[in-house]
Amino acid sequence: AAREHGRNAELAALTIVVLDAGGHVIAAEREDGASIR
């Protein structure tokens, strides 16, 4: 849904990280064209 929002709003390529309450990565995606880091 965050990526869809980004496309609809014509945002630059996004990187999205979802953490659980303990700070562990559950999901992460880097869209094509997102810059390093």
PDB file of all heavy atoms in Angstrom:
ATOM      1  N   ALA A   1       0.827  -1.211   0.000  1.00  0.00           N
ATOM      2  CA  ALA A   1       0.000   0.000   0.000  1.00  0.00           C
ATOM      3  C   ALA A   1       0.860   1.260   0.000  1.00  0.00           C
ATOM      4  O   ALA A   1       0.507   2.256  -0.643  1.00  0.00           O
ATOM      5  CB  ALA A   1      -0.938  -0.011   1.206  1.00  0.00           C
ATOM      6  N   ALA A   2       1.983   1.226   0.694  1.00  0.00           N
ATOM      7  CA  ALA A   2       2.890   2.383   0.679  1.00  0.00           C
ATOM      8  C   ALA A   2       3.450   2.598  -0.718  1.00  0.00           C
ATOM      9  O   ALA A   2       3.539   3.740  -1.198  1.00  0.00           O
ATOM     10  CB  ALA A   2       4.018   2.176   1.687  1.00  0.00           C
ATOM     11  N   ARG A   3       3.812   1.524  -1.390  1.00  0.00           N
ATOM     12  CA  ARG A   3       4.323   1.643  -2.763  1.00  0.00           C
ATOM     13  C   ARG A   3       3.238   2.155  -3.705  1.00  0.00           C
ATOM     14  O   ARG A   3       3.502   2.998  -4.563  1.00  0.00           O
ATOM     15  CB  ARG A   3       4.848   0.291  -3.258  1.00  0.00           C
ATOM     16  CG  ARG A   3       6.144  -0.123  -2.552  1.00  0.00           C
ATOM     17  CD  ARG A   3       6.759  -1.352  -3.163  1.00  0.00           C
ATOM     18  NE  ARG A   3       7.102  -1.049  -4.549  1.00  0.00           N
ATOM     19  CZ  ARG A   3       7.085  -1.953  -5.531  1.00  0.00           C
ATOM     20  NH1 ARG A   3       6.728  -3.207  -5.284  1.00  0.00           N
ATOM     21  NH2 ARG A   3       7.412  -1.605  -6.758  1.00  0.00           N
ATOM     22  N   GLU A   4       2.018   1.664  -3.534  1.00  0.00           N
ATOM     23  CA  GLU A   4       0.913   2.145  -4.366  1.00  0.00           C
ATOM     24  C   GLU A   4       0.685   3.637  -4.147  1.00  0.00           C
ATOM     25  O   GLU A   4       0.494   4.395  -5.102  1.00  0.00           O
ATOM     26  CB  GLU A   4      -0.362   1.360  -4.063  1.00  0.00           C
ATOM     27  CG  GLU A   4      -1.531   1.788  -4.931  1.00  0.00           C
ATOM     28  CD  GLU A   4      -2.792   0.988  -4.668  1.00  0.00           C
ATOM     29  OE1 GLU A   4      -2.760   0.002  -3.902  1.00  0.00           O
ATOM     30  OE2 GLU A   4      -3.842   1.367  -5.230  1.00  0.00           O
ATOM     31  N   HIS A   5       0.715   4.057  -2.891  1.00  0.00           N
ATOM     32  CA  HIS A   5       0.593   5.481  -2.589  1.00  0.00           C
ATOM     33  C   HIS A   5       1.696   6.265  -3.302  1.00  0.00           C
ATOM     34  O   HIS A   5       1.435   7.321  -3.891  1.00  0.00           O
ATOM     35  CB  HIS A   5       0.672   5.722  -1.075  1.00  0.00           C
ATOM     36  CG  HIS A   5       0.726   7.169  -0.721  1.00  0.00           C
ATOM     37  ND1 HIS A   5      -0.404   7.934  -0.551  1.00  0.00           N
ATOM     38  CD2 HIS A   5       1.787   8.002  -0.533  1.00  0.00           C
ATOM     39  CE1 HIS A   5      -0.040   9.181  -0.276  1.00  0.00           C
ATOM     40  NE2 HIS A   5       1.284   9.246  -0.255  1.00  0.00           N
ATOM     41  N   GLY A   6       2.899   5.751  -3.241  1.00  0.00           N
ATOM     42  CA  GLY A   6       4.024   6.411  -3.896  1.00  0.00           C
ATOM     43  C   GLY A   6       3.835   6.551  -5.390  1.00  0.00           C
ATOM     44  O   GLY A   6       4.109   7.612  -5.964  1.00  0.00           O
ATOM     45  N   ARG A   7       3.355   5.513  -6.021  1.00  0.00           N
ATOM     46  CA  ARG A   7       3.103   5.571  -7.472  1.00  0.00           C
ATOM     47  C   ARG A   7       1.998   6.572  -7.783  1.00  0.00           C
ATOM     48  O   ARG A   7       2.128   7.387  -8.699  1.00  0.00           O
ATOM     49  CB  ARG A   7       2.741   4.186  -8.008  1.00  0.00           C
ATOM     50  CG  ARG A   7       3.930   3.255  -8.132  1.00  0.00           C
ATOM     51  CD  ARG A   7       3.601   1.977  -8.880  1.00  0.00           C
ATOM     52  NE  ARG A   7       2.510   1.225  -8.264  1.00  0.00           N
ATOM     53  CZ  ARG A   7       2.655   0.349  -7.276  1.00  0.00           C
ATOM     54  NH1 ARG A   7       3.842   0.115  -6.782  1.00  0.00           N
ATOM     55  NH2 ARG A   7       1.620  -0.297  -6.787  1.00  0.00           N
ATOM     56  N   ASN A   8       0.903   6.523  -7.018  1.00  0.00           N
ATOM     57  CA  ASN A   8      -0.216   7.441  -7.259  1.00  0.00           C
ATOM     58  C   ASN A   8       0.173   8.900  -7.038  1.00  0.00           C
ATOM     59  O   ASN A   8      -0.347   9.792  -7.711  1.00  0.00           O
ATOM     60  CB  ASN A   8      -1.414   7.078  -6.378  1.00  0.00           C
ATOM     61  CG  ASN A   8      -2.052   5.769  -6.778  1.00  0.00           C
ATOM     62  OD1 ASN A   8      -1.903   5.296  -7.908  1.00  0.00           O
ATOM     63  ND2 ASN A   8      -2.761   5.140  -5.858  1.00  0.00           N
ATOM     64  N   ALA A   9       1.062   9.143  -6.085  1.00  0.00           N
ATOM     65  CA  ALA A   9       1.503  10.502  -5.785  1.00  0.00           C
ATOM     66  C   ALA A   9       2.726  10.913  -6.616  1.00  0.00           C
ATOM     67  O   ALA A   9       3.248  12.005  -6.438  1.00  0.00           O
ATOM     68  CB  ALA A   9       1.823  10.631  -4.295  1.00  0.00           C
ATOM     69  N   GLU A  10       3.169  10.003  -7.475  1.00  0.00           N
ATOM     70  CA  GLU A  10       4.339  10.239  -8.345  1.00  0.00           C
ATOM     71  C   GLU A  10       5.584  10.584  -7.530  1.00  0.00           C
ATOM     72  O   GLU A  10       6.351  11.492  -7.870  1.00  0.00           O
ATOM     73  CB  GLU A  10       4.028  11.309  -9.391  1.00  0.00           C
ATOM     74  CG  GLU A  10       2.900  10.906 -10.321  1.00  0.00           C
ATOM     75  CD  GLU A  10       2.590  11.941 -11.398  1.00  0.00           C
ATOM     76  OE1 GLU A  10       3.263  12.989 -11.459  1.00  0.00           O
ATOM     77  OE2 GLU A  10       1.665  11.669 -12.175  1.00  0.00           O
ATOM     78  N   LEU A  11       5.800   9.813  -6.466  1.00  0.00           N
ATOM     79  CA  LEU A  11       6.979  10.007  -5.635  1.00  0.00           C
ATOM     80  C   LEU A  11       8.199   9.358  -6.289  1.00  0.00           C
ATOM     81  O   LEU A  11       8.070   8.478  -7.136  1.00  0.00           O
ATOM     82  CB  LEU A  11       6.762   9.386  -4.249  1.00  0.00           C
ATOM     83  CG  LEU A  11       5.577   9.888  -3.440  1.00  0.00           C
ATOM     84  CD1 LEU A  11       5.558   9.236  -2.059  1.00  0.00           C
ATOM     85  CD2 LEU A  11       5.573  11.397  -3.332  1.00  0.00           C
ATOM     86  N   ALA A  12       9.360   9.778  -5.863  1.00  0.00           N
ATOM     87  CA  ALA A  12      10.597   9.132  -6.285  1.00  0.00           C
ATOM     88  C   ALA A  12      10.597   7.692  -5.761  1.00  0.00           C
ATOM     89  O   ALA A  12       9.795   7.322  -4.894  1.00  0.00           O
ATOM     90  CB  ALA A  12      11.787   9.903  -5.732  1.00  0.00           C
ATOM     91  N   ALA A  13      11.507   6.883  -6.282  1.00  0.00           N
ATOM     92  CA  ALA A  13      11.608   5.484  -5.860  1.00  0.00           C
ATOM     93  C   ALA A  13      11.818   5.400  -4.347  1.00  0.00           C
ATOM     94  O   ALA A  13      12.669   6.085  -3.786  1.00  0.00           O
ATOM     95  CB  ALA A  13      12.749   4.801  -6.594  1.00  0.00           C
ATOM     96  N   LEU A  14      11.023   4.560  -3.704  1.00  0.00           N
ATOM     97  CA  LEU A  14      11.021   4.448  -2.250  1.00  0.00           C
ATOM     98  C   LEU A  14      11.699   3.168  -1.778  1.00  0.00           C
ATOM     99  O   LEU A  14      11.702   2.155  -2.483  1.00  0.00           O
ATOM    100  CB  LEU A  14       9.586   4.443  -1.718  1.00  0.00           C
ATOM    101  CG  LEU A  14       8.717   5.651  -2.041  1.00  0.00           C
ATOM    102  CD1 LEU A  14       7.301   5.428  -1.522  1.00  0.00           C
ATOM    103  CD2 LEU A  14       9.330   6.922  -1.474  1.00  0.00           C
ATOM    104  N   THR A  15      12.222   3.235  -0.574  1.00  0.00           N
ATOM    105  CA  THR A  15      12.650   2.047   0.153  1.00  0.00           C
ATOM    106  C   THR A  15      11.827   2.021   1.430  1.00  0.00           C
ATOM    107  O   THR A  15      11.731   3.017   2.137  1.00  0.00           O
ATOM    108  CB  THR A  15      14.152   2.091   0.470  1.00  0.00           C
ATOM    109  OG1 THR A  15      14.868   2.125  -0.770  1.00  0.00           O
ATOM    110  CG2 THR A  15      14.579   0.875   1.275  1.00  0.00           C
ATOM    111  N   ILE A  16      11.213   0.870   1.682  1.00  0.00           N
ATOM    112  CA  ILE A  16      10.262   0.721   2.786  1.00  0.00           C
ATOM    113  C   ILE A  16      10.763  -0.381   3.708  1.00  0.00           C
ATOM    114  O   ILE A  16      11.094  -1.483   3.238  1.00  0.00           O
ATOM    115  CB  ILE A  16       8.861   0.362   2.242  1.00  0.00           C
ATOM    116  CG1 ILE A  16       8.395   1.446   1.282  1.00  0.00           C
ATOM    117  CG2 ILE A  16       7.862   0.149   3.370  1.00  0.00           C
ATOM    118  CD1 ILE A  16       7.613   0.922   0.118  1.00  0.00           C
ATOM    119  N   VAL A  17      10.791  -0.099   4.999  1.00  0.00           N
ATOM    120  CA  VAL A  17      11.220  -1.074   5.997  1.00  0.00           C
ATOM    121  C   VAL A  17      10.140  -1.164   7.072  1.00  0.00           C
ATOM    122  O   VAL A  17       9.726  -0.146   7.620  1.00  0.00           O
ATOM    123  CB  VAL A  17      12.569  -0.680   6.635  1.00  0.00           C
ATOM    124  CG1 VAL A  17      12.968  -1.674   7.715  1.00  0.00           C
ATOM    125  CG2 VAL A  17      13.657  -0.567   5.581  1.00  0.00           C
ATOM    126  N   VAL A  18       9.691  -2.381   7.356  1.00  0.00           N
ATOM    127  CA  VAL A  18       8.701  -2.617   8.411  1.00  0.00           C
ATOM    128  C   VAL A  18       9.383  -3.423   9.517  1.00  0.00           C
ATOM    129  O   VAL A  18       9.949  -4.488   9.266  1.00  0.00           O
ATOM    130  CB  VAL A  18       7.474  -3.390   7.875  1.00  0.00           C
ATOM    131  CG1 VAL A  18       6.452  -3.623   8.987  1.00  0.00           C
ATOM    132  CG2 VAL A  18       6.845  -2.664   6.704  1.00  0.00           C
ATOM    133  N   LEU A  19       9.308  -2.879  10.741  1.00  0.00           N
ATOM    134  CA  LEU A  19       9.896  -3.523  11.910  1.00  0.00           C
ATOM    135  C   LEU A  19       8.805  -3.967  12.867  1.00  0.00           C
ATOM    136  O   LEU A  19       7.775  -3.298  12.991  1.00  0.00           O
ATOM    137  CB  LEU A  19      10.810  -2.547  12.657  1.00  0.00           C
ATOM    138  CG  LEU A  19      11.919  -1.863  11.868  1.00  0.00           C
ATOM    139  CD1 LEU A  19      12.684  -0.908  12.779  1.00  0.00           C
ATOM    140  CD2 LEU A  19      12.840  -2.867  11.230  1.00  0.00           C
ATOM    141  N   ASP A  20       9.049  -5.066  13.593  1.00  0.00           N
ATOM    142  CA  ASP A  20       8.129  -5.433  14.664  1.00  0.00           C
ATOM    143  C   ASP A  20       8.474  -4.612  15.900  1.00  0.00           C
ATOM    144  O   ASP A  20       9.414  -3.802  15.894  1.00  0.00           O
ATOM    145  CB  ASP A  20       8.149  -6.947  14.923  1.00  0.00           C
ATOM    146  CG  ASP A  20       9.451  -7.467  15.495  1.00  0.00           C
ATOM    147  OD1 ASP A  20      10.311  -6.671  15.951  1.00  0.00           O
ATOM    148  OD2 ASP A  20       9.621  -8.706  15.511  1.00  0.00           O
ATOM    149  N   ALA A  21       7.740  -4.794  16.977  1.00  0.00           N
ATOM    150  CA  ALA A  21       7.920  -3.979  18.183  1.00  0.00           C
ATOM    151  C   ALA A  21       9.301  -4.156  18.800  1.00  0.00           C
ATOM    152  O   ALA A  21       9.777  -3.278  19.517  1.00  0.00           O
ATOM    153  CB  ALA A  21       6.836  -4.294  19.206  1.00  0.00           C
ATOM    154  N   GLY A  22       9.974  -5.266  18.510  1.00  0.00           N
ATOM    155  CA  GLY A  22      11.320  -5.505  19.016  1.00  0.00           C
ATOM    156  C   GLY A  22      12.411  -4.959  18.123  1.00  0.00           C
ATOM    157  O   GLY A  22      13.595  -5.127  18.414  1.00  0.00           O
ATOM    158  N   GLY A  23      12.023  -4.301  17.022  1.00  0.00           N
ATOM    159  CA  GLY A  23      12.992  -3.718  16.117  1.00  0.00           C
ATOM    160  C   GLY A  23      13.534  -4.664  15.063  1.00  0.00           C
ATOM    161  O   GLY A  23      14.493  -4.329  14.361  1.00  0.00           O
ATOM    162  N   HIS A  24      12.921  -5.836  14.918  1.00  0.00           N
ATOM    163  CA  HIS A  24      13.361  -6.802  13.909  1.00  0.00           C
ATOM    164  C   HIS A  24      12.710  -6.491  12.565  1.00  0.00           C
ATOM    165  O   HIS A  24      11.510  -6.190  12.506  1.00  0.00           O
ATOM    166  CB  HIS A  24      12.986  -8.229  14.329  1.00  0.00           C
ATOM    167  CG  HIS A  24      13.550  -8.593  15.652  1.00  0.00           C
ATOM    168  ND1 HIS A  24      12.814  -8.528  16.810  1.00  0.00           N
ATOM    169  CD2 HIS A  24      14.796  -8.995  16.013  1.00  0.00           C
ATOM    170  CE1 HIS A  24      13.561  -8.893  17.831  1.00  0.00           C
ATOM    171  NE2 HIS A  24      14.774  -9.170  17.370  1.00  0.00           N
ATOM    172  N   VAL A  25      13.473  -6.619  11.499  1.00  0.00           N
ATOM    173  CA  VAL A  25      12.944  -6.396  10.163  1.00  0.00           C
ATOM    174  C   VAL A  25      11.989  -7.535   9.812  1.00  0.00           C
ATOM    175  O   VAL A  25      12.355  -8.705   9.868  1.00  0.00           O
ATOM    176  CB  VAL A  25      14.076  -6.316   9.112  1.00  0.00           C
ATOM    177  CG1 VAL A  25      13.489  -6.182   7.701  1.00  0.00           C
ATOM    178  CG2 VAL A  25      15.011  -5.158   9.403  1.00  0.00           C
ATOM    179  N   ILE A  26      10.754  -7.170   9.450  1.00  0.00           N
ATOM    180  CA  ILE A  26       9.784  -8.155   8.977  1.00  0.00           C
ATOM    181  C   ILE A  26       9.747  -8.138   7.456  1.00  0.00           C
ATOM    182  O   ILE A  26       9.688  -9.175   6.817  1.00  0.00           O
ATOM    183  CB  ILE A  26       8.373  -7.877   9.536  1.00  0.00           C
ATOM    184  CG1 ILE A  26       8.370  -7.967  11.035  1.00  0.00           C
ATOM    185  CG2 ILE A  26       7.372  -8.874   8.946  1.00  0.00           C
ATOM    186  CD1 ILE A  26       7.038  -7.613  11.645  1.00  0.00           C
ATOM    187  N   ALA A  27       9.765  -6.941   6.889  1.00  0.00           N
ATOM    188  CA  ALA A  27       9.720  -6.809   5.434  1.00  0.00           C
ATOM    189  C   ALA A  27      10.484  -5.558   5.030  1.00  0.00           C
ATOM    190  O   ALA A  27      10.486  -4.563   5.757  1.00  0.00           O
ATOM    191  CB  ALA A  27       8.273  -6.728   4.940  1.00  0.00           C
ATOM    192  N   ALA A  28      11.119  -5.636   3.865  1.00  0.00           N
ATOM    193  CA  ALA A  28      11.819  -4.473   3.319  1.00  0.00           C
ATOM    194  C   ALA A  28      11.825  -4.600   1.803  1.00  0.00           C
ATOM    195  O   ALA A  28      12.037  -5.696   1.274  1.00  0.00           O
ATOM    196  CB  ALA A  28      13.243  -4.387   3.846  1.00  0.00           C
ATOM    197  N   GLU A  29      11.563  -3.491   1.142  1.00  0.00           N
ATOM    198  CA  GLU A  29      11.634  -3.458  -0.319  1.00  0.00           C
ATOM    199  C   GLU A  29      12.276  -2.159  -0.761  1.00  0.00           C
ATOM    200  O   GLU A  29      12.008  -1.099  -0.201  1.00  0.00           O
ATOM    201  CB  GLU A  29      10.244  -3.571  -0.959  1.00  0.00           C
ATOM    202  CG  GLU A  29       9.670  -4.957  -0.876  1.00  0.00           C
ATOM    203  CD  GLU A  29       8.453  -5.155  -1.771  1.00  0.00           C
ATOM    204  OE1 GLU A  29       8.247  -4.377  -2.725  1.00  0.00           O
ATOM    205  OE2 GLU A  29       7.711  -6.095  -1.484  1.00  0.00           O
ATOM    206  N   ARG A  30      13.102  -2.273  -1.780  1.00  0.00           N
ATOM    207  CA  ARG A  30      13.748  -1.123  -2.398  1.00  0.00           C
ATOM    208  C   ARG A  30      13.271  -1.081  -3.833  1.00  0.00           C
ATOM    209  O   ARG A  30      13.510  -2.008  -4.601  1.00  0.00           O
ATOM    210  CB  ARG A  30      15.269  -1.279  -2.346  1.00  0.00           C
ATOM    211  CG  ARG A  30      16.032  -0.169  -3.016  1.00  0.00           C
ATOM    212  CD  ARG A  30      17.515  -0.550  -3.169  1.00  0.00           C
ATOM    213  NE  ARG A  30      18.150   0.304  -4.130  1.00  0.00           N
ATOM    214  CZ  ARG A  30      18.148   0.119  -5.449  1.00  0.00           C
ATOM    215  NH1 ARG A  30      17.527  -0.913  -5.982  1.00  0.00           N
ATOM    216  NH2 ARG A  30      18.767   0.963  -6.238  1.00  0.00           N
ATOM    217  N   GLU A  31      12.576  -0.012  -4.187  1.00  0.00           N
ATOM    218  CA  GLU A  31      12.063   0.103  -5.549  1.00  0.00           C
ATOM    219  C   GLU A  31      13.212   0.352  -6.522  1.00  0.00           C
ATOM    220  O   GLU A  31      14.245   0.928  -6.162  1.00  0.00           O
ATOM    221  CB  GLU A  31      11.047   1.239  -5.651  1.00  0.00           C
ATOM    222  CG  GLU A  31       9.762   0.950  -4.902  1.00  0.00           C
ATOM    223  CD  GLU A  31       8.717   2.024  -5.082  1.00  0.00           C
ATOM    224  OE1 GLU A  31       9.063   3.231  -5.085  1.00  0.00           O
ATOM    225  OE2 GLU A  31       7.538   1.652  -5.208  1.00  0.00           O
ATOM    226  N   ASP A  32      13.002  -0.086  -7.749  1.00  0.00           N
ATOM    227  CA  ASP A  32      13.984   0.166  -8.798  1.00  0.00           C
ATOM    228  C   ASP A  32      14.270   1.653  -8.876  1.00  0.00           C
ATOM    229  O   ASP A  32      13.352   2.475  -8.843  1.00  0.00           O
ATOM    230  CB  ASP A  32      13.461  -0.311 -10.157  1.00  0.00           C
ATOM    231  CG  ASP A  32      13.267  -1.814 -10.224  1.00  0.00           C
ATOM    232  OD1 ASP A  32      13.840  -2.529  -9.380  1.00  0.00           O
ATOM    233  OD2 ASP A  32      12.533  -2.266 -11.124  1.00  0.00           O
ATOM    234  N   GLY A  33      15.533   1.994  -8.937  1.00  0.00           N
ATOM    235  CA  GLY A  33      15.924   3.392  -9.059  1.00  0.00           C
ATOM    236  C   GLY A  33      16.180   4.100  -7.745  1.00  0.00           C
ATOM    237  O   GLY A  33      16.625   5.245  -7.744  1.00  0.00           O
ATOM    238  N   ALA A  34      15.897   3.443  -6.626  1.00  0.00           N
ATOM    239  CA  ALA A  34      16.171   4.077  -5.335  1.00  0.00           C
ATOM    240  C   ALA A  34      17.681   4.210  -5.168  1.00  0.00           C
ATOM    241  O   ALA A  34      18.442   3.316  -5.526  1.00  0.00           O
ATOM    242  CB  ALA A  34      15.583   3.255  -4.189  1.00  0.00           C
ATOM    243  N   SER A  35      18.101   5.326  -4.618  1.00  0.00           N
ATOM    244  CA  SER A  35      19.532   5.555  -4.453  1.00  0.00           C
ATOM    245  C   SER A  35      20.098   4.675  -3.334  1.00  0.00           C
ATOM    246  O   SER A  35      19.350   4.087  -2.548  1.00  0.00           O
ATOM    247  CB  SER A  35      19.807   7.037  -4.194  1.00  0.00           C
ATOM    248  OG  SER A  35      19.164   7.459  -3.020  1.00  0.00           O
ATOM    249  N   ILE A  36      21.425   4.639  -3.281  1.00  0.00           N
ATOM    250  CA  ILE A  36      22.081   3.774  -2.299  1.00  0.00           C
ATOM    251  C   ILE A  36      21.831   4.269  -0.878  1.00  0.00           C
ATOM    252  O   ILE A  36      21.497   5.418  -0.661  1.00  0.00           O
ATOM    253  CB  ILE A  36      23.595   3.664  -2.569  1.00  0.00           C
ATOM    254  CG1 ILE A  36      24.289   5.020  -2.350  1.00  0.00           C
ATOM    255  CG2 ILE A  36      23.851   3.161  -3.968  1.00  0.00           C
ATOM    256  CD1 ILE A  36      25.805   4.926  -2.342  1.00  0.00           C
ATOM    257  N   ARG A  37      21.944   3.367   0.053  1.00  0.00           N
ATOM    258  CA  ARG A  37      21.830   3.611   1.488  1.00  0.00           C
ATOM    259  C   ARG A  37      20.423   3.983   1.946  1.00  0.00           C
ATOM    260  O   ARG A  37      20.217   4.375   3.090  1.00  0.00           O
ATOM    261  CB  ARG A  37      22.828   4.661   1.970  1.00  0.00           C
ATOM    262  CG  ARG A  37      24.274   4.422   1.546  1.00  0.00           C
ATOM    263  CD  ARG A  37      24.786   3.064   1.880  1.00  0.00           C
ATOM    264  NE  ARG A  37      25.153   2.968   3.278  1.00  0.00           N
ATOM    265  CZ  ARG A  37      25.897   2.003   3.779  1.00  0.00           C
ATOM    266  NH1 ARG A  37      26.344   1.050   3.000  1.00  0.00           N
ATOM    267  NH2 ARG A  37      26.170   1.965   5.052  1.00  0.00           N
TER     268      ARG A  37
END
